[in-house]
Amino acid sequence: MPTKHDHRGHGHGHGHGHGHAVSPESDRRYLLGALALIVTFMAGEVVVGLIANSLALISDAAHMMTDASAIALALIAMRIAARPAKGAYTFGWKRAEIISAQINGATLLLLVVYFVYEGVHRLLEPSEVMGPLVFVTALIGVAVNAVATWLLSKANRESLNVEGAYQHILNDMYAFIATAIAGLVVWLTGFQQADAIAALVVAALMAKAGYDLLRESGRVLLQAAPGHLDPDEIGSLLARQPAVLEVHDLHVWAVTSGYPTLSAHVLVEPGSDCHRVRLSLAELLKERFDIDHTTLQVDPGGQEAGPAQAVPRQHCPDPHGPRHRSGRS
């Protein structure tokens, strides 16, 4: 527990905003443009897929449906995430985009199960497929997805939400390339199973995209440290700074994608300026790790507890996680 020497504060700096989370207006325009393209083409592709009896085209259309839902969810989540923090929601609604990413990932994996089943069935019992129609439609799909991918690449992809929609469309473009090749093979050789093979390629791409989205969004929901940040490295570095004796209760997590956050309890040499040390550590975290959302509790370390217990009982009866010591404690 903090004592009268407790010095708490935030290394935010004055006037700091959270602009790296999303830039709503510009991102919204890019997402809306991509959504209009995808929905228009998807409607036509379903019709052509049924006429051509192509599982590859229908699976591509289903993938595009998840593209459209991913973008729609991204737009909704961006609006929700922009709501101000108040009441019980002290971080606001920023994790709405992470829930959106979880839904997108789960949807992709469910579709994978269906298309793998249908693809294997058609490999064993081929159906007549109109190769030329599949080939031409897939080429148009490649062009549509290329434009949509370009639009989303201009949005802020630090957001898992936007990145999720981007990965959906990028994978769909690769899937259309596979479908175009399958349509050409059916057209030129009459090998009907090529359509089912292309559908299985689409399913594999969907499985990878879905797994990646669930993994990354799951890390945020479970409050794991962002993949590019090592808490042990950070704790060791902080403990080596001048006047610092020990760092414990070190937590590194992300409120949402692109929003790394850190809190820690720091013990310093008796007589040190706790406020000055805190500012120095906050600046170091910003410069070295690009973490500017920090809460550091800085207290004088006591020697009265003896070498076996460098942390006085009144500070932390039950310190969490490993202790990072300077060697001076």
C-alpha atoms as a PDB file:
ATOM      1  CA  MET A   1       0.000   0.000   0.000  1.00  0.00           C
ATOM      2  CA  PRO A   2       1.234   3.506  -0.726  1.00  0.00           C
ATOM      3  CA  THR A   3       2.523   5.568   2.135  1.00  0.00           C
ATOM      4  CA  LYS A   4       2.852   9.296   2.558  1.00  0.00           C
ATOM      5  CA  HIS A   5       5.819   9.047   0.200  1.00  0.00           C
ATOM      6  CA  ASP A   6       3.602   7.779  -2.618  1.00  0.00           C
ATOM      7  CA  HIS A   7       4.267   9.658  -5.833  1.00  0.00           C
ATOM      8  CA  ARG A   8       1.900   8.695  -8.604  1.00  0.00           C
ATOM      9  CA  GLY A   9       1.564  10.186 -12.017  1.00  0.00           C
ATOM     10  CA  HIS A  10       1.194   9.662 -15.710  1.00  0.00           C
ATOM     11  CA  GLY A  11       3.825  10.057 -18.370  1.00  0.00           C
ATOM     12  CA  HIS A  12       1.373  11.371 -20.910  1.00  0.00           C
ATOM     13  CA  GLY A  13       2.655  14.865 -21.488  1.00  0.00           C
ATOM     14  CA  HIS A  14       0.333  17.819 -21.797  1.00  0.00           C
ATOM     15  CA  GLY A  15      -2.053  17.966 -24.651  1.00  0.00           C
ATOM     16  CA  HIS A  16      -1.454  14.401 -25.701  1.00  0.00           C
ATOM     17  CA  GLY A  17      -4.296  12.776 -27.610  1.00  0.00           C
ATOM     18  CA  HIS A  18      -5.015   9.267 -28.750  1.00  0.00           C
ATOM     19  CA  GLY A  19      -4.795   9.952 -32.445  1.00  0.00           C
ATOM     20  CA  HIS A  20      -2.852   6.770 -33.129  1.00  0.00           C
ATOM     21  CA  ALA A  21      -5.879   4.611 -32.301  1.00  0.00           C
ATOM     22  CA  VAL A  22      -7.989   5.669 -35.303  1.00  0.00           C
ATOM     23  CA  SER A  23      -8.544   8.780 -37.413  1.00  0.00           C
ATOM     24  CA  PRO A  24     -12.289   8.420 -37.826  1.00  0.00           C
ATOM     25  CA  GLU A  25     -13.244  10.734 -40.696  1.00  0.00           C
ATOM     26  CA  SER A  26     -10.582   9.771 -43.224  1.00  0.00           C
ATOM     27  CA  ASP A  27     -10.733   6.085 -42.287  1.00  0.00           C
ATOM     28  CA  ARG A  28     -14.513   6.092 -42.552  1.00  0.00           C
ATOM     29  CA  ARG A  29     -14.400   7.432 -46.117  1.00  0.00           C
ATOM     30  CA  TYR A  30     -11.939   4.757 -47.226  1.00  0.00           C
ATOM     31  CA  LEU A  31     -13.973   1.996 -45.590  1.00  0.00           C
ATOM     32  CA  LEU A  32     -17.242   3.227 -47.098  1.00  0.00           C
ATOM     33  CA  GLY A  33     -15.695   3.320 -50.578  1.00  0.00           C
ATOM     34  CA  ALA A  34     -14.398  -0.235 -50.229  1.00  0.00           C
ATOM     35  CA  LEU A  35     -17.764  -1.399 -48.838  1.00  0.00           C
ATOM     36  CA  ALA A  36     -19.696   0.015 -51.817  1.00  0.00           C
ATOM     37  CA  LEU A  37     -17.379  -1.750 -54.274  1.00  0.00           C
ATOM     38  CA  ILE A  38     -17.562  -5.085 -52.500  1.00  0.00           C
ATOM     39  CA  VAL A  39     -21.329  -5.201 -51.962  1.00  0.00           C
ATOM     40  CA  THR A  40     -22.017  -4.287 -55.600  1.00  0.00           C
ATOM     41  CA  PHE A  41     -19.705  -6.946 -56.992  1.00  0.00           C
ATOM     42  CA  MET A  42     -20.745  -9.570 -54.441  1.00  0.00           C
ATOM     43  CA  ALA A  43     -24.385  -9.357 -55.513  1.00  0.00           C
ATOM     44  CA  GLY A  44     -23.431  -9.983 -59.136  1.00  0.00           C
ATOM     45  CA  GLU A  45     -21.008 -12.758 -58.235  1.00  0.00           C
ATOM     46  CA  VAL A  46     -23.637 -14.788 -56.382  1.00  0.00           C
ATOM     47  CA  VAL A  47     -25.847 -14.760 -59.479  1.00  0.00           C
ATOM     48  CA  VAL A  48     -22.973 -15.693 -61.810  1.00  0.00           C
ATOM     49  CA  GLY A  49     -21.734 -18.397 -59.404  1.00  0.00           C
ATOM     50  CA  LEU A  50     -25.141 -20.076 -59.386  1.00  0.00           C
ATOM     51  CA  ILE A  51     -25.423 -19.865 -63.177  1.00  0.00           C
ATOM     52  CA  ALA A  52     -21.889 -21.245 -63.676  1.00  0.00           C
ATOM     53  CA  ASN A  53     -22.365 -23.893 -60.929  1.00  0.00           C
ATOM     54  CA  SER A  54     -18.996 -22.825 -59.489  1.00  0.00           C
ATOM     55  CA  LEU A  55     -18.246 -23.572 -55.846  1.00  0.00           C
ATOM     56  CA  ALA A  56     -15.105 -21.432 -56.150  1.00  0.00           C
ATOM     57  CA  LEU A  57     -17.153 -18.371 -57.180  1.00  0.00           C
ATOM     58  CA  ILE A  58     -19.766 -19.004 -54.492  1.00  0.00           C
ATOM     59  CA  SER A  59     -17.042 -19.412 -51.846  1.00  0.00           C
ATOM     60  CA  ASP A  60     -15.467 -16.186 -53.092  1.00  0.00           C
ATOM     61  CA  ALA A  61     -18.847 -14.481 -52.775  1.00  0.00           C
ATOM     62  CA  ALA A  62     -19.167 -15.790 -49.222  1.00  0.00           C
ATOM     63  CA  HIS A  63     -15.683 -14.500 -48.480  1.00  0.00           C
ATOM     64  CA  MET A  64     -16.744 -11.138 -49.906  1.00  0.00           C
ATOM     65  CA  MET A  65     -19.802 -11.228 -47.657  1.00  0.00           C
ATOM     66  CA  THR A  66     -17.452 -11.547 -44.680  1.00  0.00           C
ATOM     67  CA  ASP A  67     -15.400  -8.699 -46.200  1.00  0.00           C
ATOM     68  CA  ALA A  68     -18.512  -6.535 -46.271  1.00  0.00           C
ATOM     69  CA  SER A  69     -19.499  -7.516 -42.735  1.00  0.00           C
ATOM     70  CA  ALA A  70     -15.931  -6.885 -41.557  1.00  0.00           C
ATOM     71  CA  ILE A  71     -16.013  -3.365 -42.969  1.00  0.00           C
ATOM     72  CA  ALA A  72     -19.522  -2.723 -41.641  1.00  0.00           C
ATOM     73  CA  LEU A  73     -18.483  -3.923 -38.182  1.00  0.00           C
ATOM     74  CA  ALA A  74     -15.348  -1.801 -38.423  1.00  0.00           C
ATOM     75  CA  LEU A  75     -17.444   1.282 -39.179  1.00  0.00           C
ATOM     76  CA  ILE A  76     -19.839   0.553 -36.312  1.00  0.00           C
ATOM     77  CA  ALA A  77     -16.998  -0.197 -33.907  1.00  0.00           C
ATOM     78  CA  MET A  78     -15.164   2.996 -34.886  1.00  0.00           C
ATOM     79  CA  ARG A  79     -18.252   5.025 -34.055  1.00  0.00           C
ATOM     80  CA  ILE A  80     -18.732   3.204 -30.738  1.00  0.00           C
ATOM     81  CA  ALA A  81     -15.033   3.491 -29.866  1.00  0.00           C
ATOM     82  CA  ALA A  82     -15.201   7.259 -30.368  1.00  0.00           C
ATOM     83  CA  ARG A  83     -17.631   7.616 -27.469  1.00  0.00           C
ATOM     84  CA  PRO A  84     -16.073   9.467 -24.556  1.00  0.00           C
ATOM     85  CA  ALA A  85     -15.016   7.681 -21.378  1.00  0.00           C
ATOM     86  CA  LYS A  86     -17.540   8.184 -18.583  1.00  0.00           C
ATOM     87  CA  GLY A  87     -19.177   6.392 -15.691  1.00  0.00           C
ATOM     88  CA  ALA A  88     -18.066   2.790 -15.276  1.00  0.00           C
ATOM     89  CA  TYR A  89     -16.402   2.765 -18.724  1.00  0.00           C
ATOM     90  CA  THR A  90     -13.231   4.586 -17.733  1.00  0.00           C
ATOM     91  CA  PHE A  91     -11.451   3.560 -20.934  1.00  0.00           C
ATOM     92  CA  GLY A  92     -14.486   4.433 -23.041  1.00  0.00           C
ATOM     93  CA  TRP A  93     -15.566   1.901 -25.681  1.00  0.00           C
ATOM     94  CA  LYS A  94     -12.215   1.410 -27.357  1.00  0.00           C
ATOM     95  CA  ARG A  95     -12.360  -2.377 -27.141  1.00  0.00           C
ATOM     96  CA  ALA A  96     -15.445  -2.457 -29.362  1.00  0.00           C
ATOM     97  CA  GLU A  97     -13.052  -2.867 -32.289  1.00  0.00           C
ATOM     98  CA  ILE A  98     -11.443  -5.907 -30.636  1.00  0.00           C
ATOM     99  CA  ILE A  99     -14.838  -7.570 -30.258  1.00  0.00           C
ATOM    100  CA  SER A 100     -15.437  -6.778 -33.935  1.00  0.00           C
ATOM    101  CA  ALA A 101     -12.155  -8.483 -34.836  1.00  0.00           C
ATOM    102  CA  GLN A 102     -13.174 -11.559 -32.800  1.00  0.00           C
ATOM    103  CA  ILE A 103     -16.482 -11.799 -34.663  1.00  0.00           C
ATOM    104  CA  ASN A 104     -14.718 -11.475 -38.028  1.00  0.00           C
ATOM    105  CA  GLY A 105     -12.207 -14.184 -37.162  1.00  0.00           C
ATOM    106  CA  ALA A 106     -14.852 -16.599 -35.882  1.00  0.00           C
ATOM    107  CA  THR A 107     -17.020 -16.034 -38.971  1.00  0.00           C
ATOM    108  CA  LEU A 108     -14.121 -16.866 -41.265  1.00  0.00           C
ATOM    109  CA  LEU A 109     -13.390 -20.130 -39.453  1.00  0.00           C
ATOM    110  CA  LEU A 110     -17.051 -21.213 -39.576  1.00  0.00           C
ATOM    111  CA  LEU A 111     -17.130 -20.620 -43.328  1.00  0.00           C
ATOM    112  CA  VAL A 112     -13.924 -22.622 -43.689  1.00  0.00           C
ATOM    113  CA  VAL A 113     -15.661 -25.712 -42.289  1.00  0.00           C
ATOM    114  CA  TYR A 114     -18.460 -25.452 -44.862  1.00  0.00           C
ATOM    115  CA  PHE A 115     -16.224 -24.870 -47.878  1.00  0.00           C
ATOM    116  CA  VAL A 116     -13.817 -27.652 -46.940  1.00  0.00           C
ATOM    117  CA  TYR A 117     -16.771 -30.032 -46.704  1.00  0.00           C
ATOM    118  CA  GLU A 118     -18.214 -28.898 -50.067  1.00  0.00           C
ATOM    119  CA  GLY A 119     -14.787 -28.812 -51.725  1.00  0.00           C
ATOM    120  CA  VAL A 120     -13.957 -32.393 -50.742  1.00  0.00           C
ATOM    121  CA  HIS A 121     -17.424 -33.525 -51.848  1.00  0.00           C
ATOM    122  CA  ARG A 122     -16.921 -31.959 -55.292  1.00  0.00           C
ATOM    123  CA  LEU A 123     -13.469 -33.477 -55.613  1.00  0.00           C
ATOM    124  CA  LEU A 124     -15.037 -36.909 -55.185  1.00  0.00           C
ATOM    125  CA  GLU A 125     -18.141 -36.127 -57.257  1.00  0.00           C
ATOM    126  CA  PRO A 126     -17.277 -33.373 -59.789  1.00  0.00           C
ATOM    127  CA  SER A 127     -20.043 -31.110 -61.098  1.00  0.00           C
ATOM    128  CA  GLU A 128     -20.205 -29.433 -64.496  1.00  0.00           C
ATOM    129  CA  VAL A 129     -18.700 -25.932 -64.238  1.00  0.00           C
ATOM    130  CA  MET A 130     -18.817 -23.135 -66.849  1.00  0.00           C
ATOM    131  CA  GLY A 131     -15.101 -22.369 -67.033  1.00  0.00           C
ATOM    132  CA  PRO A 132     -15.178 -19.200 -69.213  1.00  0.00           C
ATOM    133  CA  LEU A 133     -17.773 -17.535 -66.986  1.00  0.00           C
ATOM    134  CA  VAL A 134     -15.780 -18.396 -63.866  1.00  0.00           C
ATOM    135  CA  PHE A 135     -12.553 -17.084 -65.432  1.00  0.00           C
ATOM    136  CA  VAL A 136     -13.959 -13.717 -66.523  1.00  0.00           C
ATOM    137  CA  THR A 137     -15.857 -13.133 -63.267  1.00  0.00           C
ATOM    138  CA  ALA A 138     -12.783 -13.968 -61.186  1.00  0.00           C
ATOM    139  CA  LEU A 139     -10.647 -11.523 -63.167  1.00  0.00           C
ATOM    140  CA  ILE A 140     -13.179  -8.774 -62.446  1.00  0.00           C
ATOM    141  CA  GLY A 141     -13.075  -9.843 -58.794  1.00  0.00           C
ATOM    142  CA  VAL A 142      -9.298  -9.453 -58.734  1.00  0.00           C
ATOM    143  CA  ALA A 143      -9.645  -5.881 -60.025  1.00  0.00           C
ATOM    144  CA  VAL A 144     -12.423  -4.984 -57.563  1.00  0.00           C
ATOM    145  CA  ASN A 145     -10.482  -6.376 -54.598  1.00  0.00           C
ATOM    146  CA  ALA A 146      -7.296  -4.633 -55.726  1.00  0.00           C
ATOM    147  CA  VAL A 147      -9.084  -1.271 -55.640  1.00  0.00           C
ATOM    148  CA  ALA A 148     -10.726  -2.070 -52.273  1.00  0.00           C
ATOM    149  CA  THR A 149      -7.369  -3.190 -50.848  1.00  0.00           C
ATOM    150  CA  TRP A 150      -5.767   0.050 -52.026  1.00  0.00           C
ATOM    151  CA  LEU A 151      -8.505   2.086 -50.336  1.00  0.00           C
ATOM    152  CA  LEU A 152      -8.086   0.277 -47.014  1.00  0.00           C
ATOM    153  CA  SER A 153      -4.282   0.472 -47.202  1.00  0.00           C
ATOM    154  CA  LYS A 154      -4.695   4.255 -46.954  1.00  0.00           C
ATOM    155  CA  ALA A 155      -6.627   3.927 -43.684  1.00  0.00           C
ATOM    156  CA  ASN A 156      -4.969   3.599 -40.283  1.00  0.00           C
ATOM    157  CA  ARG A 157      -4.012  -0.090 -40.125  1.00  0.00           C
ATOM    158  CA  GLU A 158      -2.675   0.193 -36.557  1.00  0.00           C
ATOM    159  CA  SER A 159      -6.286  -0.505 -35.655  1.00  0.00           C
ATOM    160  CA  LEU A 160      -6.929  -4.264 -35.486  1.00  0.00           C
ATOM    161  CA  ASN A 161     -10.382  -3.410 -36.716  1.00  0.00           C
ATOM    162  CA  VAL A 162      -9.166  -1.772 -39.937  1.00  0.00           C
ATOM    163  CA  GLU A 163      -6.358  -4.317 -40.281  1.00  0.00           C
ATOM    164  CA  GLY A 164      -8.927  -7.113 -39.989  1.00  0.00           C
ATOM    165  CA  ALA A 165     -11.001  -5.683 -42.835  1.00  0.00           C
ATOM    166  CA  TYR A 166      -7.827  -5.130 -44.886  1.00  0.00           C
ATOM    167  CA  GLN A 167      -6.690  -8.735 -44.401  1.00  0.00           C
ATOM    168  CA  HIS A 168     -10.143  -9.990 -45.377  1.00  0.00           C
ATOM    169  CA  ILE A 169     -10.004  -8.159 -48.704  1.00  0.00           C
ATOM    170  CA  LEU A 170      -6.347  -8.898 -49.417  1.00  0.00           C
ATOM    171  CA  ASN A 171      -6.947 -12.614 -48.880  1.00  0.00           C
ATOM    172  CA  ASP A 172     -10.028 -12.426 -51.073  1.00  0.00           C
ATOM    173  CA  MET A 173      -7.939 -10.968 -53.899  1.00  0.00           C
ATOM    174  CA  TYR A 174      -5.574 -13.944 -53.669  1.00  0.00           C
ATOM    175  CA  ALA A 175      -8.604 -16.228 -53.638  1.00  0.00           C
ATOM    176  CA  PHE A 176      -9.920 -14.647 -56.841  1.00  0.00           C
ATOM    177  CA  ILE A 177      -6.556 -15.268 -58.500  1.00  0.00           C
ATOM    178  CA  ALA A 178      -6.862 -18.968 -57.574  1.00  0.00           C
ATOM    179  CA  THR A 179     -10.440 -19.010 -58.881  1.00  0.00           C
ATOM    180  CA  ALA A 180      -9.398 -17.366 -62.161  1.00  0.00           C
ATOM    181  CA  ILE A 181      -6.723 -20.031 -62.647  1.00  0.00           C
ATOM    182  CA  ALA A 182      -9.281 -22.740 -61.888  1.00  0.00           C
ATOM    183  CA  GLY A 183     -11.753 -21.273 -64.379  1.00  0.00           C
ATOM    184  CA  LEU A 184      -9.050 -21.177 -67.046  1.00  0.00           C
ATOM    185  CA  VAL A 185      -8.093 -24.800 -66.354  1.00  0.00           C
ATOM    186  CA  VAL A 186     -11.733 -25.948 -66.566  1.00  0.00           C
ATOM    187  CA  TRP A 187     -12.190 -23.934 -69.759  1.00  0.00           C
ATOM    188  CA  LEU A 188      -9.081 -25.246 -71.531  1.00  0.00           C
ATOM    189  CA  THR A 189      -8.851 -28.820 -70.224  1.00  0.00           C
ATOM    190  CA  GLY A 190     -12.292 -29.750 -68.919  1.00  0.00           C
ATOM    191  CA  PHE A 191     -10.782 -30.730 -65.534  1.00  0.00           C
ATOM    192  CA  GLN A 192     -13.850 -29.952 -63.393  1.00  0.00           C
ATOM    193  CA  GLN A 193     -12.137 -30.672 -60.064  1.00  0.00           C
ATOM    194  CA  ALA A 194     -10.044 -27.513 -60.535  1.00  0.00           C
ATOM    195  CA  ASP A 195     -13.022 -25.515 -59.271  1.00  0.00           C
ATOM    196  CA  ALA A 196     -13.175 -27.538 -56.044  1.00  0.00           C
ATOM    197  CA  ILE A 197      -9.393 -27.232 -55.592  1.00  0.00           C
ATOM    198  CA  ALA A 198      -9.684 -23.443 -55.913  1.00  0.00           C
ATOM    199  CA  ALA A 199     -12.461 -23.481 -53.290  1.00  0.00           C
ATOM    200  CA  LEU A 200     -10.151 -25.369 -50.921  1.00  0.00           C
ATOM    201  CA  VAL A 201      -7.397 -22.788 -51.552  1.00  0.00           C
ATOM    202  CA  VAL A 202      -9.900 -20.061 -50.652  1.00  0.00           C
ATOM    203  CA  ALA A 203     -10.776 -21.979 -47.470  1.00  0.00           C
ATOM    204  CA  ALA A 204      -7.095 -22.251 -46.516  1.00  0.00           C
ATOM    205  CA  LEU A 205      -6.619 -18.493 -46.946  1.00  0.00           C
ATOM    206  CA  MET A 206      -9.737 -17.848 -44.889  1.00  0.00           C
ATOM    207  CA  ALA A 207      -8.482 -20.182 -42.142  1.00  0.00           C
ATOM    208  CA  LYS A 208      -5.175 -18.313 -41.863  1.00  0.00           C
ATOM    209  CA  ALA A 209      -6.853 -14.894 -41.787  1.00  0.00           C
ATOM    210  CA  GLY A 210      -9.406 -16.047 -39.203  1.00  0.00           C
ATOM    211  CA  TYR A 211      -6.786 -17.618 -36.950  1.00  0.00           C
ATOM    212  CA  ASP A 212      -4.573 -14.509 -37.074  1.00  0.00           C
ATOM    213  CA  LEU A 213      -7.477 -12.240 -36.171  1.00  0.00           C
ATOM    214  CA  LEU A 214      -8.576 -14.420 -33.249  1.00  0.00           C
ATOM    215  CA  ARG A 215      -4.991 -14.709 -31.968  1.00  0.00           C
ATOM    216  CA  GLU A 216      -4.235 -10.982 -32.073  1.00  0.00           C
ATOM    217  CA  SER A 217      -7.594  -9.853 -30.692  1.00  0.00           C
ATOM    218  CA  GLY A 218      -7.387 -12.587 -28.043  1.00  0.00           C
ATOM    219  CA  ARG A 219      -4.071 -11.178 -26.830  1.00  0.00           C
ATOM    220  CA  VAL A 220      -5.761  -7.825 -26.262  1.00  0.00           C
ATOM    221  CA  LEU A 221      -8.778  -9.316 -24.470  1.00  0.00           C
ATOM    222  CA  LEU A 222      -6.520 -11.416 -22.224  1.00  0.00           C
ATOM    223  CA  GLN A 223      -4.408  -8.316 -21.507  1.00  0.00           C
ATOM    224  CA  ALA A 224      -1.194  -9.905 -22.745  1.00  0.00           C
ATOM    225  CA  ALA A 225       1.676  -7.594 -23.585  1.00  0.00           C
ATOM    226  CA  PRO A 226       1.656  -6.517 -27.251  1.00  0.00           C
ATOM    227  CA  GLY A 227       3.754  -8.885 -29.348  1.00  0.00           C
ATOM    228  CA  HIS A 228       6.522  -6.341 -29.957  1.00  0.00           C
ATOM    229  CA  LEU A 229       6.988  -5.532 -26.248  1.00  0.00           C
ATOM    230  CA  ASP A 230       8.872  -7.753 -23.754  1.00  0.00           C
ATOM    231  CA  PRO A 231       7.923  -6.933 -20.129  1.00  0.00           C
ATOM    232  CA  ASP A 232      11.143  -8.528 -18.804  1.00  0.00           C
ATOM    233  CA  GLU A 233      13.269  -6.373 -21.095  1.00  0.00           C
ATOM    234  CA  ILE A 234      11.347  -3.272 -20.044  1.00  0.00           C
ATOM    235  CA  GLY A 235      11.582  -4.107 -16.323  1.00  0.00           C
ATOM    236  CA  SER A 236      15.326  -4.794 -16.517  1.00  0.00           C
ATOM    237  CA  LEU A 237      15.938  -1.534 -18.351  1.00  0.00           C
ATOM    238  CA  LEU A 238      13.931   0.498 -15.826  1.00  0.00           C
ATOM    239  CA  ALA A 239      15.794  -1.154 -12.926  1.00  0.00           C
ATOM    240  CA  ARG A 240      19.148  -0.109 -14.418  1.00  0.00           C
ATOM    241  CA  GLN A 241      18.272   3.581 -14.439  1.00  0.00           C
ATOM    242  CA  PRO A 242      19.962   5.992 -11.989  1.00  0.00           C
ATOM    243  CA  ALA A 243      18.504   5.978  -8.459  1.00  0.00           C
ATOM    244  CA  VAL A 244      16.204   3.026  -9.176  1.00  0.00           C
ATOM    245  CA  LEU A 245      16.467   0.110  -6.749  1.00  0.00           C
ATOM    246  CA  GLU A 246      13.664  -2.140  -7.914  1.00  0.00           C
ATOM    247  CA  VAL A 247      10.695  -2.419 -10.254  1.00  0.00           C
ATOM    248  CA  HIS A 248       7.759  -4.725  -9.554  1.00  0.00           C
ATOM    249  CA  ASP A 249       4.003  -4.876 -10.212  1.00  0.00           C
ATOM    250  CA  LEU A 250       4.980  -4.237 -13.825  1.00  0.00           C
ATOM    251  CA  HIS A 251       2.026  -4.645 -16.186  1.00  0.00           C
ATOM    252  CA  VAL A 252       2.131  -4.080 -19.948  1.00  0.00           C
ATOM    253  CA  TRP A 253      -1.057  -4.458 -21.970  1.00  0.00           C
ATOM    254  CA  ALA A 254      -3.092  -2.844 -24.736  1.00  0.00           C
ATOM    255  CA  VAL A 255      -6.425  -1.149 -24.151  1.00  0.00           C
ATOM    256  CA  THR A 256      -7.024  -1.609 -27.867  1.00  0.00           C
ATOM    257  CA  SER A 257      -4.774  -2.035 -30.878  1.00  0.00           C
ATOM    258  CA  GLY A 258      -2.181   0.724 -31.165  1.00  0.00           C
ATOM    259  CA  TYR A 259      -2.733   1.758 -27.512  1.00  0.00           C
ATOM    260  CA  PRO A 260       0.045   0.156 -25.405  1.00  0.00           C
ATOM    261  CA  THR A 261      -0.228   0.889 -21.701  1.00  0.00           C
ATOM    262  CA  LEU A 262       2.111   0.310 -18.738  1.00  0.00           C
ATOM    263  CA  SER A 263       1.924   0.523 -14.977  1.00  0.00           C
ATOM    264  CA  ALA A 264       4.609  -0.281 -12.420  1.00  0.00           C
ATOM    265  CA  HIS A 265       5.745   0.246  -8.835  1.00  0.00           C
ATOM    266  CA  VAL A 266       9.259   1.664  -8.695  1.00  0.00           C
ATOM    267  CA  LEU A 267      11.431   1.864  -5.577  1.00  0.00           C
ATOM    268  CA  VAL A 268      14.245   4.414  -5.580  1.00  0.00           C
ATOM    269  CA  GLU A 269      17.198   5.234  -3.347  1.00  0.00           C
ATOM    270  CA  PRO A 270      16.247   7.083  -0.143  1.00  0.00           C
ATOM    271  CA  GLY A 271      16.523  10.829  -0.632  1.00  0.00           C
ATOM    272  CA  SER A 272      15.941  10.660  -4.412  1.00  0.00           C
ATOM    273  CA  ASP A 273      13.519  13.045  -6.120  1.00  0.00           C
ATOM    274  CA  CYS A 274      10.643  10.661  -6.862  1.00  0.00           C
ATOM    275  CA  HIS A 275       8.927  13.083  -9.225  1.00  0.00           C
ATOM    276  CA  ARG A 276      12.084  13.610 -11.270  1.00  0.00           C
ATOM    277  CA  VAL A 277      12.711   9.847 -11.503  1.00  0.00           C
ATOM    278  CA  ARG A 278       9.146   9.272 -12.638  1.00  0.00           C
ATOM    279  CA  LEU A 279       9.427  11.844 -15.404  1.00  0.00           C
ATOM    280  CA  SER A 280      12.742  10.352 -16.514  1.00  0.00           C
ATOM    281  CA  LEU A 281      11.328   6.818 -16.657  1.00  0.00           C
ATOM    282  CA  ALA A 282       8.192   7.944 -18.500  1.00  0.00           C
ATOM    283  CA  GLU A 283      10.337   9.690 -21.108  1.00  0.00           C
ATOM    284  CA  LEU A 284      12.514   6.593 -21.490  1.00  0.00           C
ATOM    285  CA  LEU A 285       9.436   4.407 -22.060  1.00  0.00           C
ATOM    286  CA  LYS A 286       8.175   6.824 -24.695  1.00  0.00           C
ATOM    287  CA  GLU A 287      11.471   7.051 -26.569  1.00  0.00           C
ATOM    288  CA  ARG A 288      12.575   3.412 -26.388  1.00  0.00           C
ATOM    289  CA  PHE A 289       9.268   1.533 -26.593  1.00  0.00           C
ATOM    290  CA  ASP A 290       6.777   4.144 -27.851  1.00  0.00           C
ATOM    291  CA  ILE A 291       4.680   3.698 -24.694  1.00  0.00           C
ATOM    292  CA  ASP A 292       3.287   7.056 -23.642  1.00  0.00           C
ATOM    293  CA  HIS A 293       0.326   5.818 -21.576  1.00  0.00           C
ATOM    294  CA  THR A 294       2.088   5.071 -18.300  1.00  0.00           C
ATOM    295  CA  THR A 295       1.222   5.060 -14.615  1.00  0.00           C
ATOM    296  CA  LEU A 296       4.282   4.833 -12.384  1.00  0.00           C
ATOM    297  CA  GLN A 297       4.096   4.728  -8.591  1.00  0.00           C
ATOM    298  CA  VAL A 298       7.506   5.822  -7.308  1.00  0.00           C
ATOM    299  CA  ASP A 299       8.441   5.357  -3.639  1.00  0.00           C
ATOM    300  CA  PRO A 300      11.670   5.553  -1.644  1.00  0.00           C
ATOM    301  CA  GLY A 301      13.077   2.086  -1.057  1.00  0.00           C
ATOM    302  CA  GLY A 302      13.743   1.211   2.542  1.00  0.00           C
ATOM    303  CA  GLN A 303      16.779  -0.554   3.904  1.00  0.00           C
ATOM    304  CA  GLU A 304      15.132  -1.240   7.205  1.00  0.00           C
ATOM    305  CA  ALA A 305      13.625  -4.485   5.896  1.00  0.00           C
ATOM    306  CA  GLY A 306      17.051  -6.053   5.411  1.00  0.00           C
ATOM    307  CA  PRO A 307      18.617  -7.609   2.308  1.00  0.00           C
ATOM    308  CA  ALA A 308      16.172 -10.502   2.196  1.00  0.00           C
ATOM    309  CA  GLN A 309      13.215  -8.181   1.780  1.00  0.00           C
ATOM    310  CA  ALA A 310      14.020  -5.102  -0.227  1.00  0.00           C
ATOM    311  CA  VAL A 311      10.373  -4.059  -0.404  1.00  0.00           C
ATOM    312  CA  PRO A 312       8.972  -2.749   2.884  1.00  0.00           C
ATOM    313  CA  ARG A 313       5.664  -4.336   3.889  1.00  0.00           C
ATOM    314  CA  GLN A 314       3.828  -1.029   3.814  1.00  0.00           C
ATOM    315  CA  HIS A 315       4.529  -0.658   0.094  1.00  0.00           C
ATOM    316  CA  CYS A 316       3.345  -3.963  -1.415  1.00  0.00           C
ATOM    317  CA  PRO A 317       2.360  -6.903   0.821  1.00  0.00           C
ATOM    318  CA  ASP A 318       1.918  -9.054  -2.306  1.00  0.00           C
ATOM    319  CA  PRO A 319       3.939  -7.732  -5.266  1.00  0.00           C
ATOM    320  CA  HIS A 320       2.805  -9.152  -8.608  1.00  0.00           C
ATOM    321  CA  GLY A 321       5.139 -10.648 -11.183  1.00  0.00           C
ATOM    322  CA  PRO A 322       8.928 -10.807 -11.149  1.00  0.00           C
ATOM    323  CA  ARG A 323      11.042  -8.220  -9.349  1.00  0.00           C
ATOM    324  CA  HIS A 324      13.629  -6.395 -11.427  1.00  0.00           C
ATOM    325  CA  ARG A 325      16.447  -5.213  -9.172  1.00  0.00           C
ATOM    326  CA  SER A 326      19.309  -2.886  -9.913  1.00  0.00           C
ATOM    327  CA  GLY A 327      21.890  -4.661  -7.793  1.00  0.00           C
ATOM    328  CA  ARG A 328      22.102  -1.609  -5.540  1.00  0.00           C
ATOM    329  CA  SER A 329      19.186  -2.740  -3.345  1.00  0.00           C
END
